[in-house]
Amino acid sequence: MRKIILPRLVRSFSISEYAPEIADEKIYVWVNPPISALLSLMESFGAYVQSGDEQLNPYLEKLSAILSQGAEGTGWNADELMEMVKETADTDPQFWIWFNNRVLQEIKEHRLLQKKN
């Protein structure tokens, strides 16, 4: 019997998309997590949106799993994400919103991907 085994697919985007003045750091996103991981991420995101910063850390824990599947040394852990959120809150609060949306966009684009001929 034939079996198709899909590897973890990781796509990237550049932070310089937000502003060209920012260093060209790549963010690697696991775009094909299991549905259970994706649902857990969305549930955690919903709790974060409803409660604000009170539920931010649990969301960042789940988000870090999505951002840590690329090559060694390219991932983000929850503490690093929290530091980014705090640092940019004072200098450019829109950045975190953009960053988060951009990560989720990568996953969505992969899931909606239709082969072009």
N, C-alpha and C. Protein backbone atom coordinates (compact mmCIF):
# COMPACT_ATOMS: atom_id res chain seq x y z
N MET A 1 0.84 -1.18 0.00
CA MET A 1 0.00 0.00 0.00
C MET A 1 0.89 1.25 0.00
N ARG A 2 0.54 2.19 -0.81
CA ARG A 2 1.30 3.45 -0.88
C ARG A 2 0.91 4.34 0.27
N LYS A 3 1.88 5.10 0.70
CA LYS A 3 1.65 6.00 1.83
C LYS A 3 2.32 7.34 1.53
N ILE A 4 1.59 8.39 1.73
CA ILE A 4 2.15 9.73 1.55
C ILE A 4 2.48 10.29 2.93
N ILE A 5 3.73 10.65 3.09
CA ILE A 5 4.16 11.24 4.36
C ILE A 5 4.60 12.67 4.08
N LEU A 6 3.90 13.59 4.67
CA LEU A 6 4.24 15.01 4.48
C LEU A 6 5.17 15.47 5.59
N PRO A 7 6.27 16.09 5.23
CA PRO A 7 7.15 16.64 6.26
C PRO A 7 6.56 17.92 6.83
N ARG A 8 7.18 18.40 7.88
CA ARG A 8 6.79 19.73 8.38
C ARG A 8 7.24 20.75 7.35
N LEU A 9 6.29 21.52 6.88
CA LEU A 9 6.59 22.53 5.87
C LEU A 9 6.78 23.87 6.56
N VAL A 10 7.89 24.50 6.24
CA VAL A 10 8.24 25.78 6.86
C VAL A 10 8.42 26.81 5.76
N ARG A 11 7.74 27.93 5.91
CA ARG A 11 7.85 29.05 4.98
C ARG A 11 8.43 30.24 5.76
N SER A 12 8.92 31.21 5.02
CA SER A 12 9.52 32.36 5.71
C SER A 12 8.98 33.67 5.15
N PHE A 13 9.12 34.68 5.97
CA PHE A 13 8.89 36.05 5.53
C PHE A 13 9.94 36.91 6.20
N SER A 14 10.13 38.08 5.68
CA SER A 14 11.15 38.99 6.19
C SER A 14 10.52 40.11 7.00
N ILE A 15 11.13 40.43 8.12
CA ILE A 15 10.64 41.54 8.94
C ILE A 15 10.74 42.86 8.17
N SER A 16 11.65 42.93 7.22
CA SER A 16 11.79 44.17 6.44
C SER A 16 10.56 44.45 5.58
N GLU A 17 9.64 43.47 5.45
CA GLU A 17 8.37 43.74 4.76
C GLU A 17 7.59 44.82 5.52
N TYR A 18 7.75 44.85 6.82
CA TYR A 18 7.04 45.83 7.64
C TYR A 18 7.59 47.22 7.40
N ALA A 19 8.91 47.31 7.40
CA ALA A 19 9.58 48.59 7.14
C ALA A 19 10.97 48.28 6.60
N PRO A 20 11.30 48.79 5.44
CA PRO A 20 12.59 48.49 4.82
C PRO A 20 13.80 48.87 5.69
N GLU A 21 13.58 49.78 6.62
CA GLU A 21 14.69 50.22 7.48
C GLU A 21 15.09 49.17 8.51
N ILE A 22 14.23 48.19 8.74
CA ILE A 22 14.50 47.14 9.72
C ILE A 22 15.42 46.10 9.09
N ALA A 23 16.33 45.57 9.90
CA ALA A 23 17.24 44.54 9.42
C ALA A 23 16.45 43.40 8.77
N ASP A 24 17.03 42.80 7.77
CA ASP A 24 16.35 41.78 6.98
C ASP A 24 16.38 40.42 7.68
N GLU A 25 15.72 40.31 8.82
CA GLU A 25 15.66 39.04 9.54
C GLU A 25 14.48 38.22 9.02
N LYS A 26 14.75 36.95 8.79
CA LYS A 26 13.70 36.03 8.32
C LYS A 26 13.00 35.40 9.52
N ILE A 27 11.69 35.24 9.39
CA ILE A 27 10.87 34.54 10.37
C ILE A 27 10.38 33.27 9.69
N TYR A 28 10.60 32.14 10.35
CA TYR A 28 10.24 30.84 9.78
C TYR A 28 8.98 30.33 10.46
N VAL A 29 7.98 29.98 9.64
CA VAL A 29 6.65 29.61 10.12
C VAL A 29 6.32 28.19 9.68
N TRP A 30 5.97 27.35 10.63
CA TRP A 30 5.49 26.00 10.34
C TRP A 30 4.07 26.14 9.82
N VAL A 31 3.87 25.90 8.53
CA VAL A 31 2.59 26.19 7.91
C VAL A 31 1.63 25.01 7.84
N ASN A 32 2.09 23.81 8.19
CA ASN A 32 1.19 22.66 8.14
C ASN A 32 1.14 21.90 9.47
N PRO A 33 0.92 22.64 10.58
CA PRO A 33 0.80 21.92 11.85
C PRO A 33 -0.47 21.08 11.85
N PRO A 34 -0.52 20.06 12.71
CA PRO A 34 -1.75 19.26 12.81
C PRO A 34 -2.93 20.16 13.19
N ILE A 35 -4.10 19.75 12.80
CA ILE A 35 -5.30 20.56 13.08
C ILE A 35 -5.45 20.79 14.58
N SER A 36 -5.07 19.81 15.40
CA SER A 36 -5.18 19.98 16.85
C SER A 36 -4.29 21.13 17.34
N ALA A 37 -3.08 21.24 16.79
CA ALA A 37 -2.18 22.33 17.17
C ALA A 37 -2.72 23.67 16.68
N LEU A 38 -3.28 23.66 15.48
CA LEU A 38 -3.83 24.90 14.93
C LEU A 38 -5.05 25.35 15.71
N LEU A 39 -5.92 24.42 16.07
CA LEU A 39 -7.10 24.77 16.88
C LEU A 39 -6.69 25.28 18.26
N SER A 40 -5.68 24.67 18.84
CA SER A 40 -5.18 25.12 20.14
C SER A 40 -4.62 26.53 20.04
N LEU A 41 -3.88 26.80 18.96
CA LEU A 41 -3.34 28.14 18.73
C LEU A 41 -4.47 29.15 18.60
N MET A 42 -5.49 28.83 17.83
CA MET A 42 -6.61 29.75 17.62
C MET A 42 -7.40 29.96 18.91
N GLU A 43 -7.59 28.90 19.68
CA GLU A 43 -8.29 29.03 20.96
C GLU A 43 -7.51 29.94 21.91
N SER A 44 -6.20 29.74 21.94
CA SER A 44 -5.35 30.56 22.79
C SER A 44 -5.34 32.02 22.31
N PHE A 45 -5.35 32.22 21.00
CA PHE A 45 -5.40 33.57 20.44
C PHE A 45 -6.71 34.24 20.84
N GLY A 46 -7.82 33.51 20.75
CA GLY A 46 -9.11 34.06 21.15
C GLY A 46 -9.13 34.48 22.61
N ALA A 47 -8.55 33.66 23.48
CA ALA A 47 -8.48 34.00 24.91
C ALA A 47 -7.63 35.25 25.12
N TYR A 48 -6.54 35.36 24.36
CA TYR A 48 -5.66 36.53 24.45
C TYR A 48 -6.42 37.79 24.01
N VAL A 49 -7.13 37.70 22.91
CA VAL A 49 -7.89 38.85 22.40
C VAL A 49 -8.95 39.28 23.40
N GLN A 50 -9.63 38.31 24.02
CA GLN A 50 -10.69 38.61 24.98
C GLN A 50 -10.16 39.24 26.27
N SER A 51 -9.01 38.75 26.75
CA SER A 51 -8.53 39.19 28.06
C SER A 51 -7.37 40.17 28.00
N GLY A 52 -6.82 40.38 26.83
CA GLY A 52 -5.66 41.25 26.73
C GLY A 52 -4.41 40.53 27.21
N ASP A 53 -3.51 41.29 27.81
CA ASP A 53 -2.21 40.75 28.18
C ASP A 53 -2.27 39.61 29.19
N GLU A 54 -3.39 39.46 29.88
CA GLU A 54 -3.52 38.39 30.87
C GLU A 54 -3.29 37.01 30.26
N GLN A 55 -3.72 36.82 29.03
CA GLN A 55 -3.57 35.52 28.35
C GLN A 55 -2.52 35.56 27.24
N LEU A 56 -1.66 36.57 27.27
CA LEU A 56 -0.64 36.68 26.22
C LEU A 56 0.39 35.56 26.31
N ASN A 57 0.89 35.26 27.50
CA ASN A 57 1.94 34.25 27.62
C ASN A 57 1.51 32.87 27.13
N PRO A 58 0.32 32.37 27.50
CA PRO A 58 -0.10 31.07 26.94
C PRO A 58 -0.16 31.08 25.41
N TYR A 59 -0.59 32.21 24.85
CA TYR A 59 -0.63 32.31 23.39
C TYR A 59 0.79 32.27 22.81
N LEU A 60 1.71 33.00 23.44
CA LEU A 60 3.08 33.03 22.94
C LEU A 60 3.74 31.66 23.03
N GLU A 61 3.39 30.88 24.04
CA GLU A 61 3.91 29.51 24.15
C GLU A 61 3.51 28.70 22.92
N LYS A 62 2.26 28.79 22.54
CA LYS A 62 1.78 28.05 21.37
C LYS A 62 2.35 28.61 20.07
N LEU A 63 2.44 29.93 19.99
CA LEU A 63 2.99 30.56 18.81
C LEU A 63 4.46 30.18 18.63
N SER A 64 5.19 30.08 19.73
CA SER A 64 6.61 29.73 19.64
C SER A 64 6.81 28.35 19.02
N ALA A 65 5.88 27.43 19.25
CA ALA A 65 5.97 26.10 18.62
C ALA A 65 5.87 26.22 17.10
N ILE A 66 5.05 27.15 16.63
CA ILE A 66 4.88 27.38 15.19
C ILE A 66 6.12 28.05 14.60
N LEU A 67 6.81 28.85 15.41
CA LEU A 67 7.97 29.61 14.93
C LEU A 67 9.30 28.93 15.22
N SER A 68 9.28 27.69 15.66
CA SER A 68 10.51 27.00 16.05
C SER A 68 10.74 25.70 15.29
N GLN A 69 10.21 25.60 14.10
CA GLN A 69 10.35 24.37 13.33
C GLN A 69 11.32 24.50 12.16
N GLY A 70 11.93 25.66 12.03
CA GLY A 70 12.91 25.88 10.96
C GLY A 70 14.27 25.34 11.37
N ALA A 71 15.29 25.75 10.66
CA ALA A 71 16.66 25.32 10.94
C ALA A 71 17.08 25.74 12.35
N GLU A 72 18.01 25.02 12.89
CA GLU A 72 18.54 25.30 14.23
C GLU A 72 18.95 26.77 14.34
N GLY A 73 18.52 27.40 15.42
CA GLY A 73 18.90 28.79 15.68
C GLY A 73 18.00 29.83 15.03
N THR A 74 16.96 29.39 14.32
CA THR A 74 16.08 30.36 13.65
C THR A 74 14.76 30.55 14.38
N GLY A 75 14.49 29.73 15.39
CA GLY A 75 13.20 29.78 16.07
C GLY A 75 13.12 30.89 17.11
N TRP A 76 11.92 31.10 17.58
CA TRP A 76 11.63 32.07 18.63
C TRP A 76 10.98 31.33 19.78
N ASN A 77 11.47 31.53 21.00
CA ASN A 77 10.78 30.94 22.15
C ASN A 77 9.82 31.99 22.73
N ALA A 78 9.00 31.56 23.67
CA ALA A 78 7.97 32.46 24.22
C ALA A 78 8.58 33.67 24.91
N ASP A 79 9.71 33.49 25.59
CA ASP A 79 10.36 34.62 26.26
C ASP A 79 10.84 35.65 25.25
N GLU A 80 11.41 35.19 24.15
CA GLU A 80 11.86 36.12 23.10
C GLU A 80 10.69 36.86 22.47
N LEU A 81 9.60 36.14 22.26
CA LEU A 81 8.41 36.79 21.71
C LEU A 81 7.86 37.83 22.68
N MET A 82 7.82 37.49 23.97
CA MET A 82 7.34 38.44 24.98
C MET A 82 8.22 39.68 25.00
N GLU A 83 9.52 39.48 24.92
CA GLU A 83 10.45 40.62 24.90
C GLU A 83 10.19 41.50 23.68
N MET A 84 9.95 40.88 22.52
CA MET A 84 9.65 41.64 21.31
C MET A 84 8.36 42.45 21.49
N VAL A 85 7.33 41.82 22.04
CA VAL A 85 6.05 42.50 22.25
C VAL A 85 6.26 43.71 23.16
N LYS A 86 6.97 43.52 24.26
CA LYS A 86 7.19 44.62 25.22
C LYS A 86 8.04 45.73 24.62
N GLU A 87 9.12 45.35 23.94
CA GLU A 87 10.01 46.36 23.36
C GLU A 87 9.33 47.20 22.29
N THR A 88 8.53 46.56 21.46
CA THR A 88 7.90 47.30 20.37
C THR A 88 6.64 48.03 20.80
N ALA A 89 6.10 47.69 21.98
CA ALA A 89 4.90 48.38 22.47
C ALA A 89 5.14 49.87 22.62
N ASP A 90 6.34 50.24 23.02
CA ASP A 90 6.66 51.66 23.21
C ASP A 90 7.09 52.35 21.92
N THR A 91 7.79 51.62 21.06
CA THR A 91 8.34 52.25 19.86
C THR A 91 7.42 52.19 18.66
N ASP A 92 6.69 51.07 18.52
CA ASP A 92 5.79 50.90 17.37
C ASP A 92 4.79 49.79 17.69
N PRO A 93 3.72 50.11 18.42
CA PRO A 93 2.77 49.08 18.85
C PRO A 93 2.10 48.34 17.69
N GLN A 94 2.06 48.94 16.53
CA GLN A 94 1.46 48.27 15.37
C GLN A 94 2.31 47.08 14.92
N PHE A 95 3.60 47.07 15.25
CA PHE A 95 4.47 46.00 14.78
C PHE A 95 4.00 44.63 15.26
N TRP A 96 3.65 44.50 16.54
CA TRP A 96 3.21 43.20 17.06
C TRP A 96 1.95 42.72 16.33
N ILE A 97 1.04 43.63 16.07
CA ILE A 97 -0.18 43.27 15.35
C ILE A 97 0.18 42.77 13.95
N TRP A 98 1.06 43.49 13.28
CA TRP A 98 1.49 43.09 11.94
C TRP A 98 2.20 41.74 11.99
N PHE A 99 3.13 41.59 12.93
CA PHE A 99 3.91 40.35 13.05
C PHE A 99 2.99 39.16 13.24
N ASN A 100 2.08 39.27 14.19
CA ASN A 100 1.16 38.19 14.49
C ASN A 100 0.29 37.87 13.27
N ASN A 101 -0.27 38.88 12.64
CA ASN A 101 -1.09 38.68 11.45
C ASN A 101 -0.30 38.04 10.32
N ARG A 102 0.96 38.44 10.19
CA ARG A 102 1.81 37.91 9.10
C ARG A 102 2.09 36.43 9.31
N VAL A 103 2.33 36.02 10.55
CA VAL A 103 2.53 34.60 10.86
C VAL A 103 1.28 33.81 10.49
N LEU A 104 0.14 34.28 10.95
CA LEU A 104 -1.12 33.58 10.68
C LEU A 104 -1.45 33.58 9.18
N GLN A 105 -1.06 34.64 8.49
CA GLN A 105 -1.28 34.72 7.04
C GLN A 105 -0.50 33.62 6.31
N GLU A 106 0.74 33.35 6.75
CA GLU A 106 1.53 32.29 6.13
C GLU A 106 0.81 30.95 6.23
N ILE A 107 0.26 30.67 7.39
CA ILE A 107 -0.46 29.40 7.60
C ILE A 107 -1.71 29.37 6.72
N LYS A 108 -2.45 30.47 6.74
CA LYS A 108 -3.69 30.54 5.95
C LYS A 108 -3.40 30.38 4.47
N GLU A 109 -2.38 31.06 3.97
CA GLU A 109 -2.05 30.97 2.55
C GLU A 109 -1.69 29.54 2.16
N HIS A 110 -0.96 28.86 3.02
CA HIS A 110 -0.62 27.47 2.72
C HIS A 110 -1.87 26.60 2.69
N ARG A 111 -2.75 26.79 3.64
CA ARG A 111 -3.96 25.95 3.73
C ARG A 111 -4.92 26.23 2.58
N LEU A 112 -4.87 27.42 2.02
CA LEU A 112 -5.75 27.77 0.91
C LEU A 112 -5.08 27.61 -0.45
N LEU A 113 -3.83 27.17 -0.42
CA LEU A 113 -3.02 27.06 -1.62
C LEU A 113 -3.69 26.19 -2.67
N GLN A 114 -3.76 26.72 -3.87
CA GLN A 114 -4.26 25.95 -5.00
C GLN A 114 -3.17 25.95 -6.05
N LYS A 115 -2.90 24.78 -6.58
CA LYS A 115 -1.83 24.66 -7.57
C LYS A 115 -2.17 25.50 -8.80
N LYS A 116 -1.20 26.29 -9.24
CA LYS A 116 -1.38 27.12 -10.43
C LYS A 116 -0.69 26.44 -11.60
N ASN A 117 -1.34 26.43 -12.72
CA ASN A 117 -0.74 25.84 -13.92
C ASN A 117 -0.36 26.91 -14.90
